[in-house]
Amino acid sequence: MTEIVRMSIELGYLKAPNHILAQIDELKGLAPDRIVFITTGTQGEPTSALVRIANRDHKQLHIIPGDTVAIPLPRYRGMKA
């Protein structure tokens, strides 16, 4: 995931200030409202980070009241609006 984000920034698909990206263990001490996580697992793979977070089974990340979770999904042919 880190490499995909890095490459997206380099190619101009994602815009982020220099030195804004960090590993989860580097975020201790930051206010929760200053942190955005991008994770994988929108297809429901049982071991994906998103599923573990949703099941409260992730060792380092927990959703708390007031957090916003956005799950963008591509539209597939035949999908109802």
PDB file of N, CA and C in Angstrom:
ATOM      1  N   MET A   1       0.823  -1.183   0.000  1.00  0.00           N
ATOM      2  CA  MET A   1       0.000   0.000   0.000  1.00  0.00           C
ATOM      3  C   MET A   1       0.874   1.256   0.000  1.00  0.00           C
ATOM      4  N   THR A   2       1.936   1.242   0.773  1.00  0.00           N
ATOM      5  CA  THR A   2       2.830   2.398   0.846  1.00  0.00           C
ATOM      6  C   THR A   2       3.409   2.721  -0.526  1.00  0.00           C
ATOM      7  N   GLU A   3       3.824   1.695  -1.253  1.00  0.00           N
ATOM      8  CA  GLU A   3       4.399   1.906  -2.578  1.00  0.00           C
ATOM      9  C   GLU A   3       3.366   2.446  -3.561  1.00  0.00           C
ATOM     10  N   ILE A   4       2.132   1.973  -3.463  1.00  0.00           N
ATOM     11  CA  ILE A   4       1.069   2.450  -4.350  1.00  0.00           C
ATOM     12  C   ILE A   4       0.814   3.931  -4.100  1.00  0.00           C
ATOM     13  N   VAL A   5       0.762   4.330  -2.843  1.00  0.00           N
ATOM     14  CA  VAL A   5       0.538   5.740  -2.507  1.00  0.00           C
ATOM     15  C   VAL A   5       1.720   6.579  -2.971  1.00  0.00           C
ATOM     16  N   ARG A   6       2.919   6.110  -2.714  1.00  0.00           N
ATOM     17  CA  ARG A   6       4.116   6.852  -3.133  1.00  0.00           C
ATOM     18  C   ARG A   6       4.121   7.049  -4.647  1.00  0.00           C
ATOM     19  N   MET A   7       3.843   6.001  -5.387  1.00  0.00           N
ATOM     20  CA  MET A   7       3.836   6.074  -6.841  1.00  0.00           C
ATOM     21  C   MET A   7       2.705   6.978  -7.342  1.00  0.00           C
ATOM     22  N   SER A   8       1.549   6.934  -6.678  1.00  0.00           N
ATOM     23  CA  SER A   8       0.421   7.797  -7.049  1.00  0.00           C
ATOM     24  C   SER A   8       0.784   9.267  -6.891  1.00  0.00           C
ATOM     25  N   ILE A   9       1.525   9.582  -5.845  1.00  0.00           N
ATOM     26  CA  ILE A   9       1.980  10.964  -5.636  1.00  0.00           C
ATOM     27  C   ILE A   9       2.972  11.352  -6.722  1.00  0.00           C
ATOM     28  N   GLU A  10       3.931  10.461  -6.990  1.00  0.00           N
ATOM     29  CA  GLU A  10       4.936  10.755  -8.014  1.00  0.00           C
ATOM     30  C   GLU A  10       4.307  10.983  -9.386  1.00  0.00           C
ATOM     31  N   LEU A  11       3.257  10.236  -9.705  1.00  0.00           N
ATOM     32  CA  LEU A  11       2.611  10.349 -11.011  1.00  0.00           C
ATOM     33  C   LEU A  11       1.550  11.448 -11.068  1.00  0.00           C
ATOM     34  N   GLY A  12       1.280  12.067  -9.918  1.00  0.00           N
ATOM     35  CA  GLY A  12       0.331  13.173  -9.893  1.00  0.00           C
ATOM     36  C   GLY A  12      -1.124  12.780  -9.708  1.00  0.00           C
ATOM     37  N   TYR A  13      -1.396  11.514  -9.432  1.00  0.00           N
ATOM     38  CA  TYR A  13      -2.777  11.076  -9.202  1.00  0.00           C
ATOM     39  C   TYR A  13      -3.259  11.432  -7.798  1.00  0.00           C
ATOM     40  N   LEU A  14      -2.333  11.571  -6.877  1.00  0.00           N
ATOM     41  CA  LEU A  14      -2.636  11.895  -5.489  1.00  0.00           C
ATOM     42  C   LEU A  14      -1.757  13.062  -5.097  1.00  0.00           C
ATOM     43  N   LYS A  15      -2.332  14.045  -4.457  1.00  0.00           N
ATOM     44  CA  LYS A  15      -1.562  15.214  -4.034  1.00  0.00           C
ATOM     45  C   LYS A  15      -1.435  15.198  -2.514  1.00  0.00           C
ATOM     46  N   ALA A  16      -0.219  15.348  -2.036  1.00  0.00           N
ATOM     47  CA  ALA A  16       0.045  15.377  -0.599  1.00  0.00           C
ATOM     48  C   ALA A  16       1.315  16.186  -0.354  1.00  0.00           C
ATOM     49  N   PRO A  17       1.329  17.004   0.692  1.00  0.00           N
ATOM     50  CA  PRO A  17       2.549  17.758   1.009  1.00  0.00           C
ATOM     51  C   PRO A  17       3.708  16.809   1.316  1.00  0.00           C
ATOM     52  N   ASN A  18       4.928  17.292   1.086  1.00  0.00           N
ATOM     53  CA  ASN A  18       6.116  16.495   1.410  1.00  0.00           C
ATOM     54  C   ASN A  18       6.106  16.094   2.883  1.00  0.00           C
ATOM     55  N   HIS A  19       6.541  14.911   3.168  1.00  0.00           N
ATOM     56  CA  HIS A  19       6.703  14.379   4.521  1.00  0.00           C
ATOM     57  C   HIS A  19       5.378  14.240   5.276  1.00  0.00           C
ATOM     58  N   ILE A  20       4.265  14.158   4.562  1.00  0.00           N
ATOM     59  CA  ILE A  20       2.966  14.021   5.220  1.00  0.00           C
ATOM     60  C   ILE A  20       2.634  12.549   5.494  1.00  0.00           C
ATOM     61  N   LEU A  21       3.203  11.640   4.712  1.00  0.00           N
ATOM     62  CA  LEU A  21       2.914  10.221   4.880  1.00  0.00           C
ATOM     63  C   LEU A  21       3.744   9.641   6.015  1.00  0.00           C
ATOM     64  N   ALA A  22       3.135   8.736   6.768  1.00  0.00           N
ATOM     65  CA  ALA A  22       3.835   8.144   7.907  1.00  0.00           C
ATOM     66  C   ALA A  22       3.337   6.727   8.130  1.00  0.00           C
ATOM     67  N   GLN A  23       4.110   5.971   8.826  1.00  0.00           N
ATOM     68  CA  GLN A  23       3.688   4.645   9.267  1.00  0.00           C
ATOM     69  C   GLN A  23       2.860   4.801  10.538  1.00  0.00           C
ATOM     70  N   ILE A  24       2.029   3.826  10.834  1.00  0.00           N
ATOM     71  CA  ILE A  24       1.097   3.931  11.960  1.00  0.00           C
ATOM     72  C   ILE A  24       1.813   4.172  13.293  1.00  0.00           C
ATOM     73  N   ASP A  25       2.988   3.580  13.471  1.00  0.00           N
ATOM     74  CA  ASP A  25       3.702   3.744  14.744  1.00  0.00           C
ATOM     75  C   ASP A  25       4.331   5.133  14.886  1.00  0.00           C
ATOM     76  N   GLU A  26       4.344   5.922  13.830  1.00  0.00           N
ATOM     77  CA  GLU A  26       4.887   7.277  13.881  1.00  0.00           C
ATOM     78  C   GLU A  26       3.827   8.314  14.261  1.00  0.00           C
ATOM     79  N   LEU A  27       2.594   7.901  14.454  1.00  0.00           N
ATOM     80  CA  LEU A  27       1.496   8.836  14.673  1.00  0.00           C
ATOM     81  C   LEU A  27       1.161   9.068  16.145  1.00  0.00           C
ATOM     82  N   LYS A  28       1.814   8.367  17.027  1.00  0.00           N
ATOM     83  CA  LYS A  28       1.546   8.550  18.456  1.00  0.00           C
ATOM     84  C   LYS A  28       1.798   9.995  18.841  1.00  0.00           C
ATOM     85  N   GLY A  29       0.863  10.565  19.578  1.00  0.00           N
ATOM     86  CA  GLY A  29       1.002  11.939  20.012  1.00  0.00           C
ATOM     87  C   GLY A  29       0.262  12.933  19.129  1.00  0.00           C
ATOM     88  N   LEU A  30      -0.135  12.517  17.926  1.00  0.00           N
ATOM     89  CA  LEU A  30      -0.920  13.403  17.075  1.00  0.00           C
ATOM     90  C   LEU A  30      -2.381  13.366  17.499  1.00  0.00           C
ATOM     91  N   ALA A  31      -3.047  14.494  17.394  1.00  0.00           N
ATOM     92  CA  ALA A  31      -4.475  14.544  17.713  1.00  0.00           C
ATOM     93  C   ALA A  31      -5.231  13.687  16.700  1.00  0.00           C
ATOM     94  N   PRO A  32      -6.210  12.911  17.151  1.00  0.00           N
ATOM     95  CA  PRO A  32      -6.955  12.043  16.231  1.00  0.00           C
ATOM     96  C   PRO A  32      -7.588  12.786  15.054  1.00  0.00           C
ATOM     97  N   ASP A  33      -7.958  14.048  15.257  1.00  0.00           N
ATOM     98  CA  ASP A  33      -8.589  14.791  14.158  1.00  0.00           C
ATOM     99  C   ASP A  33      -7.571  15.306  13.131  1.00  0.00           C
ATOM    100  N   ARG A  34      -6.310  14.961  13.303  1.00  0.00           N
ATOM    101  CA  ARG A  34      -5.257  15.355  12.361  1.00  0.00           C
ATOM    102  C   ARG A  34      -4.762  14.166  11.537  1.00  0.00           C
ATOM    103  N   ILE A  35      -5.414  13.001  11.678  1.00  0.00           N
ATOM    104  CA  ILE A  35      -4.935  11.767  11.056  1.00  0.00           C
ATOM    105  C   ILE A  35      -5.962  11.248  10.056  1.00  0.00           C
ATOM    106  N   VAL A  36      -5.473  10.840   8.896  1.00  0.00           N
ATOM    107  CA  VAL A  36      -6.297  10.163   7.891  1.00  0.00           C
ATOM    108  C   VAL A  36      -5.608   8.850   7.568  1.00  0.00           C
ATOM    109  N   PHE A  37      -6.361   7.769   7.618  1.00  0.00           N
ATOM    110  CA  PHE A  37      -5.823   6.462   7.255  1.00  0.00           C
ATOM    111  C   PHE A  37      -6.386   6.037   5.916  1.00  0.00           C
ATOM    112  N   ILE A  38      -5.535   5.476   5.088  1.00  0.00           N
ATOM    113  CA  ILE A  38      -5.966   4.835   3.853  1.00  0.00           C
ATOM    114  C   ILE A  38      -5.608   3.365   4.022  1.00  0.00           C
ATOM    115  N   THR A  39      -6.591   2.513   3.816  1.00  0.00           N
ATOM    116  CA  THR A  39      -6.349   1.092   4.035  1.00  0.00           C
ATOM    117  C   THR A  39      -6.953   0.276   2.905  1.00  0.00           C
ATOM    118  N   THR A  40      -6.710  -1.007   2.933  1.00  0.00           N
ATOM    119  CA  THR A  40      -7.206  -1.918   1.904  1.00  0.00           C
ATOM    120  C   THR A  40      -8.327  -2.776   2.466  1.00  0.00           C
ATOM    121  N   GLY A  41      -9.032  -3.446   1.578  1.00  0.00           N
ATOM    122  CA  GLY A  41      -9.988  -4.444   2.032  1.00  0.00           C
ATOM    123  C   GLY A  41     -11.436  -4.148   1.768  1.00  0.00           C
ATOM    124  N   THR A  42     -11.767  -3.351   0.767  1.00  0.00           N
ATOM    125  CA  THR A  42     -13.166  -3.024   0.529  1.00  0.00           C
ATOM    126  C   THR A  42     -13.963  -4.195  -0.015  1.00  0.00           C
ATOM    127  N   GLN A  43     -13.301  -5.253  -0.444  1.00  0.00           N
ATOM    128  CA  GLN A  43     -14.022  -6.405  -0.967  1.00  0.00           C
ATOM    129  C   GLN A  43     -14.320  -7.434   0.124  1.00  0.00           C
ATOM    130  N   GLY A  44     -13.972  -7.133   1.354  1.00  0.00           N
ATOM    131  CA  GLY A  44     -14.322  -7.987   2.483  1.00  0.00           C
ATOM    132  C   GLY A  44     -13.403  -9.173   2.705  1.00  0.00           C
ATOM    133  N   GLU A  45     -12.178  -9.122   2.211  1.00  0.00           N
ATOM    134  CA  GLU A  45     -11.250 -10.216   2.469  1.00  0.00           C
ATOM    135  C   GLU A  45     -11.062 -10.355   3.979  1.00  0.00           C
ATOM    136  N   PRO A  46     -11.202 -11.559   4.525  1.00  0.00           N
ATOM    137  CA  PRO A  46     -11.214 -11.727   5.982  1.00  0.00           C
ATOM    138  C   PRO A  46      -9.972 -11.238   6.714  1.00  0.00           C
ATOM    139  N   THR A  47      -8.817 -11.237   6.057  1.00  0.00           N
ATOM    140  CA  THR A  47      -7.595 -10.792   6.741  1.00  0.00           C
ATOM    141  C   THR A  47      -7.209  -9.362   6.393  1.00  0.00           C
ATOM    142  N   SER A  48      -8.033  -8.661   5.622  1.00  0.00           N
ATOM    143  CA  SER A  48      -7.692  -7.288   5.248  1.00  0.00           C
ATOM    144  C   SER A  48      -7.752  -6.378   6.469  1.00  0.00           C
ATOM    145  N   ALA A  49      -7.006  -5.293   6.394  1.00  0.00           N
ATOM    146  CA  ALA A  49      -6.975  -4.344   7.513  1.00  0.00           C
ATOM    147  C   ALA A  49      -8.365  -3.788   7.792  1.00  0.00           C
ATOM    148  N   LEU A  50      -9.113  -3.462   6.740  1.00  0.00           N
ATOM    149  CA  LEU A  50     -10.437  -2.878   6.939  1.00  0.00           C
ATOM    150  C   LEU A  50     -11.373  -3.822   7.689  1.00  0.00           C
ATOM    151  N   VAL A  51     -11.348  -5.096   7.357  1.00  0.00           N
ATOM    152  CA  VAL A  51     -12.190  -6.078   8.058  1.00  0.00           C
ATOM    153  C   VAL A  51     -11.742  -6.203   9.509  1.00  0.00           C
ATOM    154  N   ARG A  52     -10.434  -6.253   9.753  1.00  0.00           N
ATOM    155  CA  ARG A  52      -9.942  -6.351  11.133  1.00  0.00           C
ATOM    156  C   ARG A  52     -10.301  -5.116  11.944  1.00  0.00           C
ATOM    157  N   ILE A  53     -10.240  -3.922  11.310  1.00  0.00           N
ATOM    158  CA  ILE A  53     -10.629  -2.695  12.007  1.00  0.00           C
ATOM    159  C   ILE A  53     -12.116  -2.746  12.339  1.00  0.00           C
ATOM    160  N   ALA A  54     -12.942  -3.125  11.371  1.00  0.00           N
ATOM    161  CA  ALA A  54     -14.396  -3.188  11.580  1.00  0.00           C
ATOM    162  C   ALA A  54     -14.777  -4.192  12.660  1.00  0.00           C
ATOM    163  N   ASN A  55     -14.020  -5.276  12.758  1.00  0.00           N
ATOM    164  CA  ASN A  55     -14.283  -6.311  13.763  1.00  0.00           C
ATOM    165  C   ASN A  55     -13.605  -6.033  15.098  1.00  0.00           C
ATOM    166  N   ARG A  56     -13.004  -4.856  15.215  1.00  0.00           N
ATOM    167  CA  ARG A  56     -12.253  -4.470  16.430  1.00  0.00           C
ATOM    168  C   ARG A  56     -11.148  -5.479  16.756  1.00  0.00           C
ATOM    169  N   ASP A  57     -10.520  -5.967  15.687  1.00  0.00           N
ATOM    170  CA  ASP A  57      -9.483  -6.992  15.828  1.00  0.00           C
ATOM    171  C   ASP A  57      -8.125  -6.492  15.331  1.00  0.00           C
ATOM    172  N   HIS A  58      -8.004  -5.209  15.026  1.00  0.00           N
ATOM    173  CA  HIS A  58      -6.745  -4.640  14.554  1.00  0.00           C
ATOM    174  C   HIS A  58      -5.920  -4.242  15.769  1.00  0.00           C
ATOM    175  N   LYS A  59      -4.645  -4.589  15.775  1.00  0.00           N
ATOM    176  CA  LYS A  59      -3.797  -4.346  16.948  1.00  0.00           C
ATOM    177  C   LYS A  59      -3.484  -2.869  17.169  1.00  0.00           C
ATOM    178  N   GLN A  60      -3.467  -2.061  16.109  1.00  0.00           N
ATOM    179  CA  GLN A  60      -3.013  -0.680  16.249  1.00  0.00           C
ATOM    180  C   GLN A  60      -4.063   0.381  15.942  1.00  0.00           C
ATOM    181  N   LEU A  61      -5.170   0.013  15.351  1.00  0.00           N
ATOM    182  CA  LEU A  61      -6.126   1.009  14.885  1.00  0.00           C
ATOM    183  C   LEU A  61      -7.540   0.644  15.313  1.00  0.00           C
ATOM    184  N   HIS A  62      -8.237   1.615  15.878  1.00  0.00           N
ATOM    185  CA  HIS A  62      -9.614   1.405  16.328  1.00  0.00           C
ATOM    186  C   HIS A  62     -10.460   2.591  15.885  1.00  0.00           C
ATOM    187  N   ILE A  63     -11.664   2.322  15.438  1.00  0.00           N
ATOM    188  CA  ILE A  63     -12.597   3.379  15.081  1.00  0.00           C
ATOM    189  C   ILE A  63     -13.282   3.825  16.355  1.00  0.00           C
ATOM    190  N   ILE A  64     -13.348   5.145  16.563  1.00  0.00           N
ATOM    191  CA  ILE A  64     -13.981   5.682  17.758  1.00  0.00           C
ATOM    192  C   ILE A  64     -15.142   6.593  17.348  1.00  0.00           C
ATOM    193  N   PRO A  65     -16.069   6.854  18.264  1.00  0.00           N
ATOM    194  CA  PRO A  65     -17.183   7.753  17.925  1.00  0.00           C
ATOM    195  C   PRO A  65     -16.656   9.079  17.375  1.00  0.00           C
ATOM    196  N   GLY A  66     -17.266   9.528  16.296  1.00  0.00           N
ATOM    197  CA  GLY A  66     -16.844  10.762  15.649  1.00  0.00           C
ATOM    198  C   GLY A  66     -15.951  10.538  14.444  1.00  0.00           C
ATOM    199  N   ASP A  67     -15.375   9.338  14.306  1.00  0.00           N
ATOM    200  CA  ASP A  67     -14.558   9.027  13.140  1.00  0.00           C
ATOM    201  C   ASP A  67     -15.447   8.937  11.902  1.00  0.00           C
ATOM    202  N   THR A  68     -14.879   9.235  10.759  1.00  0.00           N
ATOM    203  CA  THR A  68     -15.573   9.091   9.485  1.00  0.00           C
ATOM    204  C   THR A  68     -14.906   7.968   8.708  1.00  0.00           C
ATOM    205  N   VAL A  69     -15.711   7.050   8.206  1.00  0.00           N
ATOM    206  CA  VAL A  69     -15.204   5.953   7.383  1.00  0.00           C
ATOM    207  C   VAL A  69     -15.821   6.105   5.999  1.00  0.00           C
ATOM    208  N   ALA A  70     -14.990   6.247   4.988  1.00  0.00           N
ATOM    209  CA  ALA A  70     -15.461   6.374   3.612  1.00  0.00           C
ATOM    210  C   ALA A  70     -15.003   5.153   2.833  1.00  0.00           C
ATOM    211  N   ILE A  71     -15.939   4.495   2.180  1.00  0.00           N
ATOM    212  CA  ILE A  71     -15.612   3.314   1.394  1.00  0.00           C
ATOM    213  C   ILE A  71     -16.066   3.563  -0.042  1.00  0.00           C
ATOM    214  N   PRO A  72     -15.173   4.113  -0.856  1.00  0.00           N
ATOM    215  CA  PRO A  72     -15.551   4.357  -2.248  1.00  0.00           C
ATOM    216  C   PRO A  72     -15.554   3.040  -3.025  1.00  0.00           C
ATOM    217  N   LEU A  73     -16.602   2.823  -3.787  1.00  0.00           N
ATOM    218  CA  LEU A  73     -16.703   1.610  -4.588  1.00  0.00           C
ATOM    219  C   LEU A  73     -16.873   1.988  -6.049  1.00  0.00           C
ATOM    220  N   PRO A  74     -16.208   1.255  -6.919  1.00  0.00           N
ATOM    221  CA  PRO A  74     -16.422   1.523  -8.341  1.00  0.00           C
ATOM    222  C   PRO A  74     -17.803   1.022  -8.753  1.00  0.00           C
ATOM    223  N   ARG A  75     -18.374   1.652  -9.738  1.00  0.00           N
ATOM    224  CA  ARG A  75     -19.665   1.181 -10.255  1.00  0.00           C
ATOM    225  C   ARG A  75     -19.406   0.073 -11.250  1.00  0.00           C
ATOM    226  N   TYR A  76     -20.085  -1.032 -11.071  1.00  0.00           N
ATOM    227  CA  TYR A  76     -19.954  -2.163 -11.987  1.00  0.00           C
ATOM    228  C   TYR A  76     -21.164  -2.212 -12.898  1.00  0.00           C
ATOM    229  N   ARG A  77     -20.956  -2.696 -14.102  1.00  0.00           N
ATOM    230  CA  ARG A  77     -22.054  -2.861 -15.044  1.00  0.00           C
ATOM    231  C   ARG A  77     -23.111  -3.776 -14.401  1.00  0.00           C
ATOM    232  N   GLY A  78     -24.339  -3.369 -14.467  1.00  0.00           N
ATOM    233  CA  GLY A  78     -25.416  -4.157 -13.884  1.00  0.00           C
ATOM    234  C   GLY A  78     -25.726  -3.784 -12.438  1.00  0.00           C
ATOM    235  N   MET A  79     -24.927  -2.904 -11.862  1.00  0.00           N
ATOM    236  CA  MET A  79     -25.171  -2.457 -10.495  1.00  0.00           C
ATOM    237  C   MET A  79     -26.349  -1.517 -10.461  1.00  0.00           C
ATOM    238  N   LYS A  80     -27.240  -1.678  -9.507  1.00  0.00           N
ATOM    239  CA  LYS A  80     -28.382  -0.769  -9.384  1.00  0.00           C
ATOM    240  C   LYS A  80     -27.946   0.503  -8.678  1.00  0.00           C
ATOM    241  N   ALA A  81     -28.474   1.635  -9.119  1.00  0.00           N
ATOM    242  CA  ALA A  81     -28.127   2.927  -8.537  1.00  0.00           C
ATOM    243  C   ALA A  81     -28.793   3.122  -7.201  1.00  0.00           C
TER     244      ALA A  81
END
